[in-house]
Amino acid sequence: MYIHGGRDLKEGSIASLWRINLSATRELHSGVSKQVAWECLTTSGKEIGKISHHTCAMISAKDVCFFGGIKGGMTNPDISALNLTNNVWSTIKLNTTIEHIGRDDHACADM
């Protein structure tokens, strides 16, 4: 499981990306002695920065898409992808005539 960003009441928006191995937590629950801990990931590419109130969805077996949220006090219209194999961020540009309007506090799902 991955967790990116969020908002701290004292610090404001957060840019860090964290991961925990859920398979390891299941083994721990079943009595297998195993070290389970959150790990802060280092990423490269065009990072999405300090953001909160955004959403994400899997777009392939190795890529997660992040959309919307609040960045710098403003609604964020950007769409970014994170490759989970190499932890590299990229920006997704849409070729559409529909105006790309940011969203925050929304939900999305993948199929």
N, C-alpha and C. Protein backbone atom coordinates (compact mmCIF):
# COMPACT_ATOMS: atom_id res chain seq x y z
N MET A 1 0.85 -1.16 0.00
CA MET A 1 0.00 0.00 0.00
C MET A 1 0.90 1.23 0.00
N TYR A 2 0.52 2.22 -0.78
CA TYR A 2 1.25 3.48 -0.89
C TYR A 2 0.38 4.61 -0.36
N ILE A 3 1.01 5.58 0.30
CA ILE A 3 0.32 6.79 0.75
C ILE A 3 1.17 7.97 0.32
N HIS A 4 0.54 8.91 -0.38
CA HIS A 4 1.26 10.11 -0.81
C HIS A 4 0.57 11.35 -0.27
N GLY A 5 1.39 12.27 0.20
CA GLY A 5 0.89 13.60 0.56
C GLY A 5 -0.06 13.60 1.72
N GLY A 6 -0.92 14.58 1.72
CA GLY A 6 -1.86 14.79 2.79
C GLY A 6 -1.66 16.17 3.38
N ARG A 7 -2.32 16.41 4.50
CA ARG A 7 -2.23 17.73 5.13
C ARG A 7 -2.06 17.55 6.63
N ASP A 8 -1.08 18.25 7.17
CA ASP A 8 -0.86 18.31 8.61
C ASP A 8 -1.31 19.69 9.07
N LEU A 9 -2.04 19.75 10.16
CA LEU A 9 -2.57 21.04 10.62
C LEU A 9 -1.48 22.06 10.93
N LYS A 10 -0.32 21.60 11.37
CA LYS A 10 0.77 22.52 11.69
C LYS A 10 1.69 22.78 10.50
N GLU A 11 1.96 21.74 9.71
CA GLU A 11 2.93 21.85 8.61
C GLU A 11 2.31 22.21 7.26
N GLY A 12 1.02 22.01 7.10
CA GLY A 12 0.38 22.22 5.81
C GLY A 12 0.47 20.98 4.95
N SER A 13 0.47 21.15 3.63
CA SER A 13 0.52 20.02 2.70
C SER A 13 1.86 19.30 2.80
N ILE A 14 1.84 18.01 2.48
CA ILE A 14 3.00 17.14 2.61
C ILE A 14 3.33 16.54 1.24
N ALA A 15 4.62 16.31 0.97
CA ALA A 15 5.05 15.78 -0.33
C ALA A 15 5.58 14.36 -0.27
N SER A 16 5.67 13.77 0.90
CA SER A 16 6.33 12.46 1.01
C SER A 16 5.46 11.32 0.49
N LEU A 17 6.13 10.23 0.11
CA LEU A 17 5.50 9.01 -0.39
C LEU A 17 5.96 7.86 0.49
N TRP A 18 5.01 7.12 1.04
CA TRP A 18 5.29 6.02 1.96
C TRP A 18 4.71 4.72 1.42
N ARG A 19 5.36 3.59 1.80
CA ARG A 19 4.89 2.27 1.36
C ARG A 19 5.01 1.30 2.53
N ILE A 20 4.02 0.36 2.58
CA ILE A 20 4.08 -0.74 3.54
C ILE A 20 3.71 -2.02 2.78
N ASN A 21 4.37 -3.10 3.10
CA ASN A 21 4.13 -4.39 2.46
C ASN A 21 2.95 -5.07 3.16
N LEU A 22 1.78 -5.10 2.52
CA LEU A 22 0.60 -5.70 3.14
C LEU A 22 0.71 -7.21 3.28
N SER A 23 1.45 -7.87 2.40
CA SER A 23 1.66 -9.31 2.53
C SER A 23 2.39 -9.61 3.84
N ALA A 24 3.36 -8.78 4.17
CA ALA A 24 4.11 -8.96 5.41
C ALA A 24 3.22 -8.75 6.63
N THR A 25 2.27 -7.81 6.54
CA THR A 25 1.37 -7.59 7.68
C THR A 25 0.46 -8.79 7.88
N ARG A 26 0.02 -9.44 6.79
CA ARG A 26 -0.80 -10.66 6.93
C ARG A 26 0.00 -11.77 7.60
N GLU A 27 1.26 -11.93 7.20
CA GLU A 27 2.11 -12.95 7.82
C GLU A 27 2.32 -12.65 9.29
N LEU A 28 2.49 -11.40 9.63
CA LEU A 28 2.65 -11.00 11.03
C LEU A 28 1.40 -11.36 11.83
N HIS A 29 0.24 -11.10 11.25
CA HIS A 29 -1.03 -11.41 11.91
C HIS A 29 -1.20 -12.91 12.12
N SER A 30 -0.67 -13.72 11.20
CA SER A 30 -0.81 -15.18 11.33
C SER A 30 0.23 -15.80 12.26
N GLY A 31 1.06 -14.97 12.89
CA GLY A 31 2.01 -15.47 13.87
C GLY A 31 3.43 -15.63 13.36
N VAL A 32 3.66 -15.37 12.08
CA VAL A 32 5.02 -15.45 11.55
C VAL A 32 5.79 -14.22 12.02
N SER A 33 6.95 -14.43 12.60
CA SER A 33 7.77 -13.32 13.08
C SER A 33 8.43 -12.63 11.89
N LYS A 34 8.03 -11.42 11.64
CA LYS A 34 8.55 -10.69 10.49
C LYS A 34 8.60 -9.20 10.83
N GLN A 35 9.60 -8.52 10.30
CA GLN A 35 9.72 -7.07 10.48
C GLN A 35 8.78 -6.37 9.51
N VAL A 36 7.87 -5.57 10.03
CA VAL A 36 6.94 -4.82 9.19
C VAL A 36 7.05 -3.35 9.57
N ALA A 37 7.32 -2.51 8.58
CA ALA A 37 7.46 -1.09 8.86
C ALA A 37 7.14 -0.28 7.61
N TRP A 38 6.67 0.94 7.82
CA TRP A 38 6.49 1.88 6.72
C TRP A 38 7.86 2.31 6.23
N GLU A 39 7.98 2.51 4.93
CA GLU A 39 9.24 3.00 4.37
C GLU A 39 8.96 4.24 3.52
N CYS A 40 9.76 5.29 3.73
CA CYS A 40 9.64 6.51 2.95
C CYS A 40 10.44 6.32 1.67
N LEU A 41 9.78 6.50 0.53
CA LEU A 41 10.41 6.25 -0.76
C LEU A 41 11.04 7.51 -1.34
N THR A 42 12.14 7.31 -2.02
CA THR A 42 12.77 8.37 -2.79
C THR A 42 12.31 8.21 -4.23
N THR A 43 11.87 9.30 -4.83
CA THR A 43 11.39 9.26 -6.21
C THR A 43 12.19 10.23 -7.06
N SER A 44 12.02 10.10 -8.38
CA SER A 44 12.67 11.03 -9.30
C SER A 44 11.64 11.42 -10.37
N GLY A 45 12.07 12.25 -11.30
CA GLY A 45 11.15 12.74 -12.32
C GLY A 45 10.45 14.01 -11.85
N LYS A 46 9.39 14.39 -12.54
CA LYS A 46 8.64 15.61 -12.20
C LYS A 46 7.66 15.29 -11.07
N GLU A 47 8.16 15.43 -9.84
CA GLU A 47 7.37 15.10 -8.66
C GLU A 47 6.16 16.03 -8.54
N ILE A 48 5.08 15.53 -7.92
CA ILE A 48 3.88 16.35 -7.79
C ILE A 48 3.94 17.30 -6.61
N GLY A 49 4.92 17.15 -5.75
CA GLY A 49 5.15 18.10 -4.68
C GLY A 49 4.16 17.99 -3.53
N LYS A 50 4.06 19.08 -2.77
CA LYS A 50 3.20 19.13 -1.59
C LYS A 50 1.75 19.26 -2.04
N ILE A 51 0.97 18.24 -1.71
CA ILE A 51 -0.41 18.19 -2.20
C ILE A 51 -1.28 17.46 -1.19
N SER A 52 -2.54 17.87 -1.13
CA SER A 52 -3.51 17.19 -0.26
C SER A 52 -4.85 17.14 -0.98
N HIS A 53 -5.75 16.34 -0.46
CA HIS A 53 -7.12 16.23 -0.99
C HIS A 53 -7.17 15.70 -2.42
N HIS A 54 -6.16 14.97 -2.85
CA HIS A 54 -6.10 14.41 -4.20
C HIS A 54 -6.57 12.96 -4.17
N THR A 55 -6.62 12.37 -5.33
CA THR A 55 -7.03 10.97 -5.44
C THR A 55 -6.11 10.26 -6.41
N CYS A 56 -6.15 8.94 -6.38
CA CYS A 56 -5.31 8.17 -7.30
C CYS A 56 -6.03 6.89 -7.71
N ALA A 57 -5.56 6.32 -8.80
CA ALA A 57 -6.10 5.05 -9.31
C ALA A 57 -5.02 4.35 -10.11
N MET A 58 -5.02 3.04 -10.09
CA MET A 58 -4.09 2.25 -10.90
C MET A 58 -4.46 2.44 -12.37
N ILE A 59 -3.46 2.69 -13.22
CA ILE A 59 -3.72 2.80 -14.66
C ILE A 59 -3.06 1.66 -15.42
N SER A 60 -2.23 0.89 -14.74
CA SER A 60 -1.65 -0.33 -15.29
C SER A 60 -1.13 -1.14 -14.10
N ALA A 61 -0.57 -2.29 -14.36
CA ALA A 61 -0.05 -3.13 -13.28
C ALA A 61 1.11 -2.47 -12.54
N LYS A 62 1.74 -1.46 -13.16
CA LYS A 62 2.90 -0.83 -12.52
C LYS A 62 2.80 0.68 -12.39
N ASP A 63 1.68 1.28 -12.80
CA ASP A 63 1.55 2.74 -12.78
C ASP A 63 0.30 3.18 -12.03
N VAL A 64 0.48 4.26 -11.23
CA VAL A 64 -0.63 4.86 -10.49
C VAL A 64 -0.78 6.30 -10.98
N CYS A 65 -2.02 6.70 -11.23
CA CYS A 65 -2.33 8.06 -11.68
C CYS A 65 -2.83 8.87 -10.49
N PHE A 66 -2.31 10.08 -10.32
CA PHE A 66 -2.73 11.00 -9.26
C PHE A 66 -3.39 12.21 -9.93
N PHE A 67 -4.54 12.62 -9.38
CA PHE A 67 -5.27 13.73 -10.00
C PHE A 67 -5.82 14.66 -8.93
N GLY A 68 -5.82 15.94 -9.28
CA GLY A 68 -6.51 16.95 -8.48
C GLY A 68 -5.85 17.23 -7.15
N GLY A 69 -6.68 17.63 -6.21
CA GLY A 69 -6.21 17.98 -4.88
C GLY A 69 -5.97 19.47 -4.74
N ILE A 70 -5.35 19.81 -3.64
CA ILE A 70 -5.02 21.20 -3.35
C ILE A 70 -3.50 21.32 -3.27
N LYS A 71 -2.97 22.28 -4.02
CA LYS A 71 -1.52 22.51 -4.08
C LYS A 71 -1.29 24.00 -3.94
N GLY A 72 -0.57 24.39 -2.91
CA GLY A 72 -0.30 25.81 -2.69
C GLY A 72 -1.56 26.62 -2.44
N GLY A 73 -2.56 26.00 -1.82
CA GLY A 73 -3.81 26.69 -1.51
C GLY A 73 -4.77 26.79 -2.68
N MET A 74 -4.40 26.27 -3.85
CA MET A 74 -5.24 26.34 -5.04
C MET A 74 -5.63 24.93 -5.51
N THR A 75 -6.76 24.83 -6.21
CA THR A 75 -7.15 23.56 -6.79
C THR A 75 -6.13 23.17 -7.85
N ASN A 76 -5.71 21.93 -7.82
CA ASN A 76 -4.65 21.43 -8.70
C ASN A 76 -5.24 20.74 -9.93
N PRO A 77 -4.97 21.23 -11.14
CA PRO A 77 -5.51 20.61 -12.35
C PRO A 77 -4.59 19.53 -12.95
N ASP A 78 -3.43 19.29 -12.34
CA ASP A 78 -2.44 18.39 -12.93
C ASP A 78 -2.80 16.92 -12.78
N ILE A 79 -2.34 16.13 -13.74
CA ILE A 79 -2.45 14.68 -13.69
C ILE A 79 -1.03 14.14 -13.75
N SER A 80 -0.67 13.34 -12.77
CA SER A 80 0.68 12.77 -12.71
C SER A 80 0.59 11.26 -12.59
N ALA A 81 1.64 10.58 -13.00
CA ALA A 81 1.71 9.13 -12.87
C ALA A 81 2.99 8.77 -12.14
N LEU A 82 2.91 7.74 -11.33
CA LEU A 82 4.08 7.21 -10.65
C LEU A 82 4.29 5.78 -11.10
N ASN A 83 5.47 5.50 -11.65
CA ASN A 83 5.83 4.14 -12.03
C ASN A 83 6.32 3.45 -10.76
N LEU A 84 5.62 2.40 -10.32
CA LEU A 84 5.95 1.72 -9.07
C LEU A 84 7.16 0.81 -9.19
N THR A 85 7.60 0.53 -10.42
CA THR A 85 8.78 -0.30 -10.61
C THR A 85 10.06 0.46 -10.33
N ASN A 86 10.12 1.72 -10.80
CA ASN A 86 11.35 2.50 -10.63
C ASN A 86 11.14 3.81 -9.85
N ASN A 87 9.91 4.03 -9.33
CA ASN A 87 9.58 5.22 -8.54
C ASN A 87 9.86 6.52 -9.28
N VAL A 88 9.49 6.57 -10.56
CA VAL A 88 9.69 7.76 -11.38
C VAL A 88 8.32 8.40 -11.67
N TRP A 89 8.23 9.72 -11.39
CA TRP A 89 7.04 10.51 -11.68
C TRP A 89 7.06 10.98 -13.12
N SER A 90 5.88 11.10 -13.72
CA SER A 90 5.74 11.73 -15.03
C SER A 90 4.42 12.49 -15.05
N THR A 91 4.31 13.43 -15.98
CA THR A 91 3.09 14.21 -16.13
C THR A 91 2.28 13.65 -17.28
N ILE A 92 0.97 13.57 -17.09
CA ILE A 92 0.08 13.09 -18.15
C ILE A 92 -0.64 14.29 -18.74
N LYS A 93 -0.53 14.45 -20.04
CA LYS A 93 -1.22 15.53 -20.76
C LYS A 93 -2.39 14.91 -21.52
N LEU A 94 -3.57 15.52 -21.40
CA LEU A 94 -4.75 15.05 -22.11
C LEU A 94 -4.92 15.83 -23.40
N ASN A 95 -5.23 15.14 -24.47
CA ASN A 95 -5.55 15.78 -25.74
C ASN A 95 -7.06 15.84 -25.85
N THR A 96 -7.64 16.92 -25.34
CA THR A 96 -9.08 17.06 -25.33
C THR A 96 -9.46 18.53 -25.48
N THR A 97 -10.64 18.76 -26.00
CA THR A 97 -11.13 20.13 -26.12
C THR A 97 -11.86 20.55 -24.84
N ILE A 98 -12.12 19.61 -23.96
CA ILE A 98 -12.77 19.92 -22.70
C ILE A 98 -11.74 20.54 -21.76
N GLU A 99 -12.10 21.67 -21.16
CA GLU A 99 -11.18 22.34 -20.25
C GLU A 99 -10.84 21.42 -19.09
N HIS A 100 -9.57 21.34 -18.78
CA HIS A 100 -9.08 20.51 -17.68
C HIS A 100 -9.21 21.32 -16.39
N ILE A 101 -10.18 20.96 -15.58
CA ILE A 101 -10.44 21.68 -14.33
C ILE A 101 -10.04 20.79 -13.17
N GLY A 102 -9.29 21.32 -12.23
CA GLY A 102 -8.87 20.56 -11.07
C GLY A 102 -10.03 20.20 -10.16
N ARG A 103 -9.83 19.19 -9.38
CA ARG A 103 -10.83 18.73 -8.41
C ARG A 103 -10.11 18.47 -7.11
N ASP A 104 -10.84 18.68 -5.99
CA ASP A 104 -10.31 18.26 -4.71
C ASP A 104 -11.44 17.64 -3.89
N ASP A 105 -11.07 16.84 -2.92
CA ASP A 105 -12.03 16.11 -2.09
C ASP A 105 -13.02 15.30 -2.95
N HIS A 106 -12.50 14.60 -3.93
CA HIS A 106 -13.32 13.80 -4.83
C HIS A 106 -12.90 12.34 -4.73
N ALA A 107 -13.57 11.50 -5.45
CA ALA A 107 -13.23 10.07 -5.48
C ALA A 107 -13.09 9.62 -6.93
N CYS A 108 -12.31 8.58 -7.15
CA CYS A 108 -12.22 7.98 -8.46
C CYS A 108 -11.97 6.49 -8.29
N ALA A 109 -12.21 5.74 -9.30
CA ALA A 109 -12.00 4.30 -9.26
C ALA A 109 -11.41 3.84 -10.58
N ASP A 110 -10.68 2.75 -10.54
CA ASP A 110 -10.13 2.21 -11.77
C ASP A 110 -10.91 0.95 -12.14
N MET A 111 -10.80 0.56 -13.37
CA MET A 111 -11.51 -0.63 -13.84
C MET A 111 -10.54 -1.63 -14.41
